[in-house]
């Protein structure tokens, strides 16, 4: 038993000694290989498993060194291979911001456009951009807002604009914006100005001011044919074509015109202005009349030819030919006498034919201008600035005192029969009486005021037996007086109160 134990120990000792010898031999071989030979070894594992070499019997390639004395570096390595850590930390991707949808124009004007868009879920805000496409501008950031509506202001009329919206979210304290959504749009079109008639003889021509950036104009007309409603009548292409001649008209008929400007935006739409605020109205034949002028008693007497298309006339005057003309009157007659003007001064006058239809008055587009130097004489004599003036043709009487008009009134003068006509000339008041009785071959009437100015008994007096409608007009042609000047009671009292014996009375 004892010998058996010794035998086992001997065997174990022999094995240990053999392993030591083998290990020593192996170390010597590897050391020699690092110094004089090159060996290829491939690791095939990156984890903690034991490294597997290709084969214990793998052929080893040895190269001869260039010199037996070359220095050799030997690096001791751990028996356990070091596996490099190839694991990297990738930060999480930023979220994608949704694009804004459903941008719509809710309203627009000449200088502003309002838009609205669908809200983006979890959006922190929205950024607004704008560019003037007509001017070729680049997008410019305008505003950041929390709302999903916005109004762009300070814009130009008749102009294309591109409006952009980006949604913004907040991620880890940072603002992130999405892609821009663009709305192509435009402001309202500027309206037409300066609309007026150019002529109105046989045809009707209208013209207006040019508008920039427009495609053209649309002419609207209202007439009896359209039952007085404005309808589109003519489309005129081109911004520079600013007039239109209507040849489809009838003499004496009434026509109204208004104009729109419009612009086509390729791929977007068309915008029209509102109808011109002003309209022009005309009838064919409402042309200028020939006017003559004369002066006496520091006034100017105007007369003109009749226009068959007109039913009234507007009279204007100015102190300069190209000055500011002021209206003196609107009359249905073909003559007019101005108020007292400055003696020896030249004035300019124009008479404009007009026509009133259904309460609306239209005027001619043209008028002739006449000039006249003011004279204070009549029948070759100066009479001063205090007198009574009676016009037989106009059936009207004026009283002036120191150049101031005291009274003006329609009258009925002597019957125009060659016997009872009121005598023309410069007279002086001979009798100034209230009341009085007027007697003649076939009459005997009482009047309240009597102012005789001729020796054969012609004078100014009240005539209460006449109706108001008889004064003025043509009553004197067939139903006139016996030579006196019949005057409404309210007017004759003013004349009586401001006159006296010797007061000048001029009949013309």
Protein backbone atom coordinates (compact mmCIF):
# COMPACT_ATOMS: atom_id res chain seq x y z
CA UNK A 1 0.00 0.00 0.00
CA UNK A 2 2.77 2.32 0.86
CA UNK A 3 4.61 1.48 -2.32
CA UNK A 4 1.45 2.14 -4.28
CA UNK A 5 1.21 5.69 -2.90
CA UNK A 6 4.88 6.29 -3.73
CA UNK A 7 4.31 5.08 -7.26
CA UNK A 8 1.33 7.47 -7.74
CA UNK A 9 3.27 10.41 -6.41
CA UNK A 10 6.14 9.58 -8.68
CA UNK A 11 3.85 9.53 -11.67
CA UNK A 12 2.29 12.88 -10.73
CA UNK A 13 5.73 14.41 -10.20
CA UNK A 14 6.88 13.14 -13.56
CA UNK A 15 3.82 14.69 -15.28
CA UNK A 16 4.47 18.09 -13.61
CA UNK A 17 8.10 18.03 -14.68
CA UNK A 18 7.08 17.13 -18.24
CA UNK A 19 4.59 19.99 -18.41
CA UNK A 20 7.23 22.43 -17.17
CA UNK A 21 9.70 21.28 -19.81
CA UNK A 22 7.08 21.53 -22.55
CA UNK A 23 6.09 25.06 -21.41
CA UNK A 24 9.71 26.18 -21.43
CA UNK A 25 10.27 24.83 -24.90
CA UNK A 26 7.08 26.50 -26.15
CA UNK A 27 8.09 29.92 -24.74
CA UNK A 28 11.49 29.66 -26.46
CA UNK A 29 9.87 28.90 -29.80
CA UNK A 30 7.48 31.97 -29.57
CA UNK A 31 10.32 34.28 -28.49
CA UNK A 32 12.40 33.21 -31.46
CA UNK A 33 9.42 33.70 -33.78
CA UNK A 34 8.92 37.36 -32.62
CA UNK A 35 12.60 38.08 -33.24
CA UNK A 36 13.24 36.37 -36.60
CA UNK A 37 9.90 35.22 -38.12
CA UNK A 38 6.48 36.70 -39.13
CA UNK A 39 3.31 34.85 -38.09
CA UNK A 40 -0.35 35.58 -39.19
CA UNK A 41 -2.99 35.08 -36.46
CA UNK A 42 -6.76 35.97 -36.94
CA UNK A 43 -9.11 36.51 -34.01
CA UNK A 44 -12.66 35.57 -34.94
CA UNK A 45 -14.50 36.47 -31.81
CA UNK A 46 -15.43 39.83 -30.30
CA UNK A 47 -16.95 38.50 -27.11
CA UNK A 48 -15.45 36.88 -23.98
CA UNK A 49 -15.11 33.39 -25.45
CA UNK A 50 -11.73 31.80 -25.67
CA UNK A 51 -9.79 32.80 -28.74
CA UNK A 52 -9.66 30.09 -31.35
CA UNK A 53 -6.57 29.99 -33.46
CA UNK A 54 -6.73 28.43 -36.90
CA UNK A 55 -4.74 25.26 -36.10
CA UNK A 56 -1.95 24.09 -33.85
CA UNK A 57 -0.32 22.65 -36.91
CA UNK A 58 -0.74 25.88 -39.04
CA UNK A 59 2.21 26.57 -41.28
CA UNK A 60 4.31 29.45 -40.06
CA UNK A 61 5.90 31.73 -42.61
CA UNK A 62 9.38 32.92 -41.74
CA UNK A 63 11.28 35.70 -43.43
CA UNK A 64 14.95 36.17 -43.24
CA UNK A 65 15.95 39.36 -41.50
CA UNK A 66 18.08 41.91 -43.27
CA UNK A 67 20.66 41.83 -40.53
CA UNK A 68 21.51 39.45 -37.77
CA UNK A 69 22.10 42.42 -35.50
CA UNK A 70 18.63 44.09 -36.18
CA UNK A 71 16.95 45.17 -32.96
CA UNK A 72 13.90 43.14 -32.13
CA UNK A 73 11.08 44.44 -29.98
CA UNK A 74 9.10 41.88 -28.07
CA UNK A 75 5.79 42.87 -26.49
CA UNK A 76 4.36 40.64 -23.90
CA UNK A 77 0.64 40.22 -24.20
CA UNK A 78 -1.90 38.89 -21.84
CA UNK A 79 -2.81 35.37 -22.32
CA UNK A 80 -6.44 36.58 -22.56
CA UNK A 81 -7.08 38.68 -25.77
CA UNK A 82 -8.45 42.25 -25.25
CA UNK A 83 -11.76 42.70 -27.13
CA UNK A 84 -12.35 46.37 -28.27
CA UNK A 85 -15.76 47.92 -27.33
CA UNK A 86 -17.51 48.70 -30.59
CA UNK A 87 -20.84 49.83 -28.99
CA UNK A 88 -21.75 53.62 -29.75
CA UNK A 89 -24.54 55.81 -28.23
CA UNK A 90 -26.87 57.34 -31.02
CA UNK A 91 -28.93 60.37 -29.89
CA UNK A 92 -32.68 60.10 -30.63
CA UNK A 93 -33.89 61.77 -33.92
CA UNK A 94 -35.66 65.18 -33.74
CA UNK A 95 -39.39 64.98 -34.38
CA UNK A 96 -40.75 65.90 -37.83
CA UNK A 97 -42.89 69.07 -37.70
CA UNK A 98 -46.12 68.70 -39.71
CA UNK A 99 -46.76 71.07 -42.62
CA UNK A 100 -49.56 73.58 -42.26
CA UNK A 101 -52.68 72.70 -44.25
CA UNK A 102 -55.77 74.45 -45.63
CA UNK A 103 -54.49 78.02 -45.90
CA UNK A 104 -57.37 80.17 -47.10
CA UNK A 105 -57.90 83.86 -47.75
CA UNK A 106 -60.76 85.03 -45.53
CA UNK A 107 -60.84 88.65 -46.67
CA UNK A 108 -58.81 91.17 -48.59
CA UNK A 109 -58.77 94.84 -49.39
CA UNK A 110 -56.56 97.26 -51.29
CA UNK A 111 -53.99 97.32 -48.48
CA UNK A 112 -54.51 94.11 -46.48
CA UNK A 113 -55.18 90.37 -46.77
CA UNK A 114 -56.46 88.11 -43.98
CA UNK A 115 -55.74 84.36 -43.99
CA UNK A 116 -56.63 81.32 -41.89
CA UNK A 117 -55.20 77.80 -41.70
CA UNK A 118 -55.85 74.50 -39.90
CA UNK A 119 -54.23 74.16 -36.49
CA UNK A 120 -51.25 71.82 -36.25
CA UNK A 121 -51.34 69.37 -33.32
CA UNK A 122 -48.92 70.31 -30.53
CA UNK A 123 -47.79 73.41 -32.43
CA UNK A 124 -46.08 75.97 -30.20
CA UNK A 125 -46.51 78.83 -32.71
CA UNK A 126 -46.61 79.74 -36.42
CA UNK A 127 -44.20 81.90 -38.43
CA UNK A 128 -45.64 84.12 -41.19
CA UNK A 129 -43.74 85.05 -44.38
CA UNK A 130 -44.55 87.31 -47.31
CA UNK A 131 -43.15 88.40 -50.65
CA UNK A 132 -44.33 90.89 -53.25
CA UNK A 133 -44.30 88.71 -56.34
CA UNK A 134 -44.77 91.66 -58.72
CA UNK A 135 -41.65 93.33 -57.35
CA UNK A 136 -39.64 90.10 -57.41
CA UNK A 137 -38.96 90.26 -53.69
CA UNK A 138 -37.73 87.34 -51.60
CA UNK A 139 -39.71 85.93 -48.73
CA UNK A 140 -39.46 88.02 -45.59
CA UNK A 141 -40.39 86.86 -42.11
CA UNK A 142 -43.26 89.03 -40.93
CA UNK A 143 -44.57 87.68 -37.63
CA UNK A 144 -44.62 84.77 -35.18
CA UNK A 145 -48.04 84.14 -33.70
CA UNK A 146 -49.83 81.64 -31.50
CA UNK A 147 -53.05 82.01 -33.51
CA UNK A 148 -54.04 80.26 -36.72
CA UNK A 149 -55.21 83.53 -38.31
CA UNK A 150 -53.33 86.61 -39.44
CA UNK A 151 -53.87 89.84 -41.40
CA UNK A 152 -51.06 91.16 -43.59
CA UNK A 153 -51.22 94.98 -43.78
CA UNK A 154 -49.45 97.80 -45.61
CA UNK A 155 -49.94 96.15 -49.01
CA UNK A 156 -50.41 97.67 -52.49
CA UNK A 157 -53.58 97.43 -54.50
CA UNK A 158 -53.61 95.43 -57.76
CA UNK A 159 -50.57 93.39 -56.63
CA UNK A 160 -49.74 89.69 -56.35
CA UNK A 161 -48.43 88.41 -53.02
CA UNK A 162 -47.16 84.99 -51.88
CA UNK A 163 -47.95 84.33 -48.22
CA UNK A 164 -46.19 81.56 -46.30
CA UNK A 165 -46.87 79.81 -42.98
CA UNK A 166 -44.60 77.45 -40.98
CA UNK A 167 -45.66 75.49 -37.92
CA UNK A 168 -43.25 75.54 -34.92
CA UNK A 169 -42.94 73.01 -32.09
CA UNK A 170 -40.73 72.98 -28.99
CA UNK A 171 -38.46 69.96 -28.40
CA UNK A 172 -36.12 69.78 -25.41
CA UNK A 173 -36.30 73.58 -25.10
CA UNK A 174 -35.49 74.17 -28.79
CA UNK A 175 -37.89 75.61 -31.41
CA UNK A 176 -38.18 73.49 -34.54
CA UNK A 177 -40.07 74.74 -37.61
CA UNK A 178 -41.61 72.71 -40.40
CA UNK A 179 -41.82 73.28 -44.13
CA UNK A 180 -43.43 76.47 -45.44
CA UNK A 181 -46.91 76.24 -46.90
CA UNK A 182 -47.50 78.99 -49.51
CA UNK A 183 -50.72 80.72 -50.57
CA UNK A 184 -50.56 82.57 -53.91
CA UNK A 185 -52.99 85.47 -53.81
CA UNK A 186 -53.50 89.18 -54.61
CA UNK A 187 -54.98 92.38 -53.25
CA UNK A 188 -58.09 94.04 -54.62
CA UNK A 189 -57.82 95.98 -57.85
CA UNK A 190 -57.71 99.76 -57.66
CA UNK A 191 -60.77 101.47 -59.14
CA UNK A 192 -60.96 103.75 -62.15
CA UNK A 193 -60.71 107.51 -61.61
CA UNK A 194 -61.12 110.59 -63.79
CA UNK A 195 -64.08 109.26 -65.75
CA UNK A 196 -65.52 111.95 -68.02
CA UNK A 197 -67.09 112.60 -71.39
CA UNK A 198 -64.77 113.54 -74.20
CA UNK A 199 -67.47 114.51 -76.67
CA UNK A 200 -71.17 114.08 -77.27
CA UNK A 201 -72.10 115.05 -80.82
CA UNK A 202 -73.09 112.05 -82.91
CA UNK A 203 -71.44 109.36 -80.78
CA UNK A 204 -70.64 109.28 -77.07
CA UNK A 205 -66.98 109.06 -76.10
CA UNK A 206 -65.80 108.51 -72.54
CA UNK A 207 -62.28 108.45 -71.13
CA UNK A 208 -60.59 107.79 -67.79
CA UNK A 209 -57.21 107.75 -66.05
CA UNK A 210 -54.75 104.90 -66.64
CA UNK A 211 -54.26 102.24 -63.94
CA UNK A 212 -50.92 100.44 -63.53
CA UNK A 213 -50.58 96.64 -63.40
CA UNK A 214 -54.03 95.98 -64.88
CA UNK A 215 -54.94 93.72 -67.77
CA UNK A 216 -57.64 96.04 -69.07
CA UNK A 217 -60.98 97.70 -68.38
CA UNK A 218 -64.68 96.81 -68.51
CA UNK A 219 -67.23 99.40 -69.58
CA UNK A 220 -70.71 99.20 -68.08
CA UNK A 221 -73.73 101.00 -69.54
CA UNK A 222 -77.23 101.70 -68.30
CA UNK A 223 -79.99 102.86 -70.60
CA UNK A 224 -83.63 102.31 -71.41
CA UNK A 225 -82.56 99.16 -73.27
CA UNK A 226 -81.18 97.68 -70.03
CA UNK A 227 -84.10 99.01 -67.95
CA UNK A 228 -81.72 101.50 -66.31
CA UNK A 229 -79.55 98.70 -64.87
CA UNK A 230 -75.78 98.70 -65.40
CA UNK A 231 -74.67 95.79 -67.58
CA UNK A 232 -71.22 94.91 -68.89
CA UNK A 233 -71.08 96.53 -72.29
CA UNK A 234 -67.48 96.36 -73.54
CA UNK A 235 -64.19 94.71 -72.50
CA UNK A 236 -61.09 96.71 -73.38
CA UNK A 237 -57.76 94.85 -73.24
CA UNK A 238 -54.62 96.75 -72.37
CA UNK A 239 -53.81 99.15 -69.53
CA UNK A 240 -53.02 102.00 -71.94
CA UNK A 241 -56.40 102.00 -73.70
CA UNK A 242 -58.29 104.53 -71.61
CA UNK A 243 -61.17 105.64 -73.81
CA UNK A 244 -64.23 104.16 -75.46
CA UNK A 245 -66.58 105.49 -78.16
CA UNK A 246 -70.13 104.19 -78.11
CA UNK A 247 -71.67 104.30 -81.58
CA UNK A 248 -74.74 102.27 -80.69
CA UNK A 249 -76.74 105.26 -79.41
CA UNK A 250 -79.87 107.12 -80.45
CA UNK A 251 -80.39 110.87 -80.53
CA UNK A 252 -82.05 112.32 -77.46
CA UNK A 253 -81.73 109.09 -75.42
CA UNK A 254 -80.09 108.97 -72.01
CA UNK A 255 -77.00 106.81 -71.41
CA UNK A 256 -75.05 106.21 -68.20
CA UNK A 257 -71.48 104.84 -68.14
CA UNK A 258 -69.24 103.43 -65.43
CA UNK A 259 -65.92 101.57 -65.73
CA UNK A 260 -64.07 98.78 -63.89
CA UNK A 261 -60.37 97.91 -64.02
CA UNK A 262 -59.45 94.22 -64.02
CA UNK A 263 -56.32 92.05 -63.81
CA UNK A 264 -55.72 88.41 -64.73
CA UNK A 265 -53.33 86.55 -62.41
CA UNK A 266 -52.05 83.53 -64.34
CA UNK A 267 -52.86 80.31 -62.52
CA UNK A 268 -54.59 82.12 -59.65
CA UNK A 269 -57.63 84.02 -60.88
CA UNK A 270 -59.00 87.40 -61.95
CA UNK A 271 -59.66 90.46 -59.82
CA UNK A 272 -62.01 93.31 -60.77
CA UNK A 273 -62.28 96.69 -59.13
CA UNK A 274 -65.58 98.07 -57.98
CA UNK A 275 -67.50 100.14 -60.50
CA UNK A 276 -66.13 103.65 -60.74
CA UNK A 277 -67.69 105.80 -58.04
CA UNK A 278 -68.45 108.47 -60.58
CA UNK A 279 -70.57 107.83 -63.61
CA UNK A 280 -70.96 109.93 -66.74
CA UNK A 281 -74.26 110.53 -68.44
CA UNK A 282 -74.95 111.84 -71.89
CA UNK A 283 -77.43 112.13 -74.67
CA UNK A 284 -76.41 112.28 -78.27
CA UNK A 285 -76.53 115.82 -79.60
CA UNK A 286 -75.96 117.50 -76.22
CA UNK A 287 -73.16 119.57 -77.72
CA UNK A 288 -71.93 123.11 -77.16
CA UNK A 289 -74.09 126.10 -78.12
CA UNK A 290 -73.04 129.31 -79.84
CA UNK A 291 -73.04 132.15 -77.29
CA UNK A 292 -72.91 135.95 -77.67
CA UNK A 293 -72.36 138.60 -75.00
CA UNK A 294 -73.04 142.30 -74.57
CA UNK A 295 -72.63 144.60 -71.61
CA UNK A 296 -74.59 147.52 -70.18
CA UNK A 297 -75.44 148.81 -66.74
CA UNK A 298 -72.32 147.08 -65.36
CA UNK A 299 -73.81 143.70 -66.27
CA UNK A 300 -73.27 141.24 -69.08
CA UNK A 301 -76.17 140.02 -71.19
CA UNK A 302 -75.69 136.52 -72.59
CA UNK A 303 -77.73 134.82 -75.29
CA UNK A 304 -77.19 131.51 -77.06
CA UNK A 305 -78.59 129.21 -79.71
CA UNK A 306 -81.10 126.56 -78.72
CA UNK A 307 -79.95 122.96 -78.42
CA UNK A 308 -82.73 120.56 -79.43
CA UNK A 309 -81.45 117.81 -77.10
CA UNK A 310 -81.28 120.08 -74.06
CA UNK A 311 -84.03 121.20 -71.75
CA UNK A 312 -81.89 123.48 -69.58
CA UNK A 313 -78.59 125.40 -69.59
CA UNK A 314 -75.97 126.07 -66.94
CA UNK A 315 -74.21 129.44 -67.04
CA UNK A 316 -70.67 129.85 -65.61
CA UNK A 317 -68.21 132.74 -65.37
CA UNK A 318 -64.58 133.36 -64.38
CA UNK A 319 -62.16 136.29 -64.25
CA UNK A 320 -59.58 134.30 -66.26
CA UNK A 321 -60.06 132.15 -69.33
CA UNK A 322 -58.45 129.12 -67.68
CA UNK A 323 -59.57 130.10 -64.21
CA UNK A 324 -62.03 128.58 -61.77
CA UNK A 325 -65.50 128.90 -63.29
CA UNK A 326 -68.39 129.54 -60.90
CA UNK A 327 -71.99 128.74 -61.74
CA UNK A 328 -74.29 131.73 -62.10
CA UNK A 329 -77.54 129.90 -62.79
CA UNK A 330 -79.42 127.03 -64.40
CA UNK A 331 -82.13 128.27 -66.74
CA UNK A 332 -84.52 126.96 -69.34
CA UNK A 333 -84.28 130.22 -71.32
CA UNK A 334 -81.74 130.98 -74.02
CA UNK A 335 -80.57 134.24 -72.45
CA UNK A 336 -79.29 135.47 -69.09
CA UNK A 337 -78.23 138.76 -67.51
CA UNK A 338 -75.53 138.64 -64.87
CA UNK A 339 -75.55 140.56 -61.59
CA UNK A 340 -73.60 143.82 -61.48
CA UNK A 341 -69.92 143.19 -62.16
CA UNK A 342 -66.85 145.35 -61.82
CA UNK A 343 -66.82 148.14 -64.42
CA UNK A 344 -64.15 147.95 -67.15
CA UNK A 345 -63.09 144.42 -66.11
CA UNK A 346 -63.11 141.53 -68.61
CA UNK A 347 -64.94 138.33 -67.65
CA UNK A 348 -65.20 134.92 -69.34
CA UNK A 349 -68.46 133.00 -69.74
CA UNK A 350 -69.59 129.58 -70.89
CA UNK A 351 -73.07 128.18 -71.36
CA UNK A 352 -73.35 124.40 -70.92
CA UNK A 353 -76.40 122.60 -72.33
CA UNK A 354 -77.99 120.15 -69.92
CA UNK A 355 -80.92 117.79 -69.74
CA UNK A 356 -82.91 116.72 -66.71
CA UNK A 357 -84.46 113.25 -66.93
CA UNK A 358 -86.07 111.42 -64.01
CA UNK A 359 -84.62 113.90 -61.56
CA UNK A 360 -81.06 113.54 -62.86
CA UNK A 361 -79.38 116.39 -64.71
CA UNK A 362 -76.69 115.65 -67.28
CA UNK A 363 -74.47 118.25 -68.89
CA UNK A 364 -72.65 118.61 -72.17
CA UNK A 365 -69.01 117.61 -72.26
CA UNK A 366 -68.04 120.78 -74.11
CA UNK A 367 -68.85 124.48 -74.08
CA UNK A 368 -67.77 127.55 -76.01
CA UNK A 369 -66.15 130.36 -74.02
CA UNK A 370 -66.92 134.04 -74.70
CA UNK A 371 -65.41 137.09 -73.04
CA UNK A 372 -66.78 140.56 -72.41
CA UNK A 373 -65.52 143.80 -70.89
CA UNK A 374 -68.05 145.25 -68.45
CA UNK A 375 -69.62 148.62 -69.35
CA UNK A 376 -71.78 150.75 -67.06
CA UNK A 377 -73.52 152.51 -69.98
CA UNK A 378 -76.91 151.88 -71.58
CA UNK A 379 -78.34 153.66 -74.56
CA UNK A 380 -74.95 155.38 -74.69
CA UNK A 381 -75.19 156.89 -71.19
CA UNK A 382 -73.89 156.03 -67.72
CA UNK A 383 -76.61 155.82 -65.08
CA UNK A 384 -74.60 155.13 -61.95
CA UNK A 385 -75.28 152.26 -59.53
CA UNK A 386 -78.79 153.10 -58.25
CA UNK A 387 -81.61 152.30 -60.68
CA UNK A 388 -84.54 150.06 -61.56
CA UNK A 389 -84.01 147.84 -64.60
CA UNK A 390 -86.84 146.22 -66.54
CA UNK A 391 -86.21 143.60 -69.24
CA UNK A 392 -89.08 143.11 -71.66
CA UNK A 393 -87.60 139.97 -73.21
CA UNK A 394 -87.00 138.34 -69.82
CA UNK A 395 -90.14 139.77 -68.21
CA UNK A 396 -88.10 140.53 -65.15
CA UNK A 397 -87.31 143.59 -63.02
CA UNK A 398 -84.32 144.38 -60.76
CA UNK A 399 -83.80 147.21 -58.31
CA UNK A 400 -80.23 148.25 -57.43
CA UNK A 401 -79.19 150.71 -54.77
CA UNK A 402 -75.53 151.77 -54.65
CA UNK A 403 -74.68 148.65 -56.66
CA UNK A 404 -76.53 146.31 -54.30
CA UNK A 405 -79.46 144.24 -55.50
CA UNK A 406 -82.51 145.15 -53.42
CA UNK A 407 -85.11 143.14 -55.25
CA UNK A 408 -85.59 140.92 -58.29
CA UNK A 409 -89.01 139.82 -59.48
CA UNK A 410 -90.92 138.52 -62.52
CA UNK A 411 -93.35 141.01 -64.01
CA UNK A 412 -95.90 141.52 -66.76
CA UNK A 413 -95.15 144.48 -69.04
CA UNK A 414 -97.31 146.20 -71.67
CA UNK A 415 -99.09 144.07 -74.19
CA UNK A 416 -96.80 143.27 -77.12
CA UNK A 417 -99.16 144.62 -79.81
CA UNK A 418 -97.30 147.68 -81.06
CA UNK A 419 -99.68 150.02 -79.19
CA UNK A 420 -99.43 149.19 -75.50
CA UNK A 421 -95.76 148.15 -75.31
CA UNK A 422 -93.83 149.51 -72.33
CA UNK A 423 -91.54 152.21 -73.77
CA UNK A 424 -87.83 151.45 -73.76
CA UNK A 425 -85.23 153.96 -72.63
CA UNK A 426 -83.83 155.74 -69.60
CA UNK A 427 -86.62 157.25 -67.50
CA UNK A 428 -86.91 159.00 -64.13
CA UNK A 429 -89.56 158.35 -61.51
CA UNK A 430 -92.14 161.17 -61.75
CA UNK A 431 -94.69 160.07 -59.15
CA UNK A 432 -94.22 158.13 -55.91
CA UNK A 433 -97.65 157.55 -54.30
CA UNK A 434 -99.42 155.09 -51.96
CA UNK A 435 -102.31 154.38 -52.34
CA UNK A 436 -103.46 155.53 -55.76
CA UNK A 437 -106.30 155.21 -58.24
CA UNK A 438 -105.47 154.48 -61.86
CA UNK A 439 -108.05 155.72 -64.36
CA UNK A 440 -108.27 155.34 -68.12
CA UNK A 441 -110.73 155.11 -71.01
CA UNK A 442 -111.97 151.70 -69.92
CA UNK A 443 -110.58 151.18 -66.41
CA UNK A 444 -110.59 152.62 -62.95
CA UNK A 445 -108.60 150.54 -60.43
CA UNK A 446 -107.15 151.16 -57.01
CA UNK A 447 -103.57 150.12 -56.23
CA UNK A 448 -101.51 150.29 -53.03
CA UNK A 449 -98.22 151.43 -54.63
CA UNK A 450 -97.79 153.65 -57.67
CA UNK A 451 -94.47 154.74 -59.24
CA UNK A 452 -94.99 156.56 -62.55
CA UNK A 453 -91.93 156.94 -64.88
CA UNK A 454 -93.34 158.27 -68.23
CA UNK A 455 -95.39 161.36 -69.00
CA UNK A 456 -98.10 159.35 -70.77
CA UNK A 457 -98.90 157.38 -67.59
CA UNK A 458 -96.70 154.24 -67.57
CA UNK A 459 -95.58 153.18 -64.13
CA UNK A 460 -94.82 150.35 -61.71
CA UNK A 461 -97.67 149.14 -59.49
CA UNK A 462 -99.13 146.11 -57.71
CA UNK A 463 -101.70 144.01 -59.58
CA UNK A 464 -103.51 141.78 -57.13
CA UNK A 465 -105.97 140.68 -59.80
CA UNK A 466 -103.26 138.58 -61.48
CA UNK A 467 -102.43 135.02 -60.43
CA UNK A 468 -98.83 134.20 -59.51
CA UNK A 469 -98.33 132.07 -62.58
CA UNK A 470 -99.06 135.02 -64.87
CA UNK A 471 -95.87 136.89 -63.92
CA UNK A 472 -92.89 136.25 -66.15
CA UNK A 473 -93.04 134.04 -69.20
CA UNK A 474 -95.18 135.10 -72.17
CA UNK A 475 -98.27 136.61 -70.54
CA UNK A 476 -97.34 140.00 -72.02
CA UNK A 477 -97.86 138.55 -75.50
CA UNK A 478 -101.65 138.85 -75.72
CA UNK A 479 -102.58 139.53 -72.09
CA UNK A 480 -100.20 142.30 -71.09
CA UNK A 481 -100.94 145.64 -69.47
CA UNK A 482 -101.69 148.99 -71.14
CA UNK A 483 -98.00 149.87 -70.77
CA UNK A 484 -97.47 149.67 -66.99
CA UNK A 485 -95.31 147.14 -65.20
CA UNK A 486 -97.57 144.79 -63.22
CA UNK A 487 -95.68 143.54 -60.15
CA UNK A 488 -96.41 141.02 -57.37
CA UNK A 489 -97.44 142.76 -54.15
CA UNK A 490 -94.54 141.45 -52.00
CA UNK A 491 -91.95 142.75 -54.46
CA UNK A 492 -93.52 146.09 -55.35
CA UNK A 493 -93.55 147.11 -51.67
CA UNK A 494 -89.72 146.64 -51.44
CA UNK A 495 -89.24 148.73 -54.56
CA UNK A 496 -91.57 151.46 -53.31
CA UNK A 497 -89.87 151.58 -49.87
CA UNK A 498 -86.38 152.00 -51.44
CA UNK A 499 -87.18 154.41 -54.29
CA UNK A 500 -88.12 158.07 -54.63
CA UNK A 501 -89.01 160.71 -57.20
CA UNK A 502 -86.11 161.07 -59.60
CA UNK A 503 -84.98 157.41 -59.23
CA UNK A 504 -83.72 156.08 -62.57
CA UNK A 505 -85.93 153.53 -64.39
CA UNK A 506 -84.42 151.78 -67.41
CA UNK A 507 -86.57 149.73 -69.75
CA UNK A 508 -84.77 147.61 -72.32
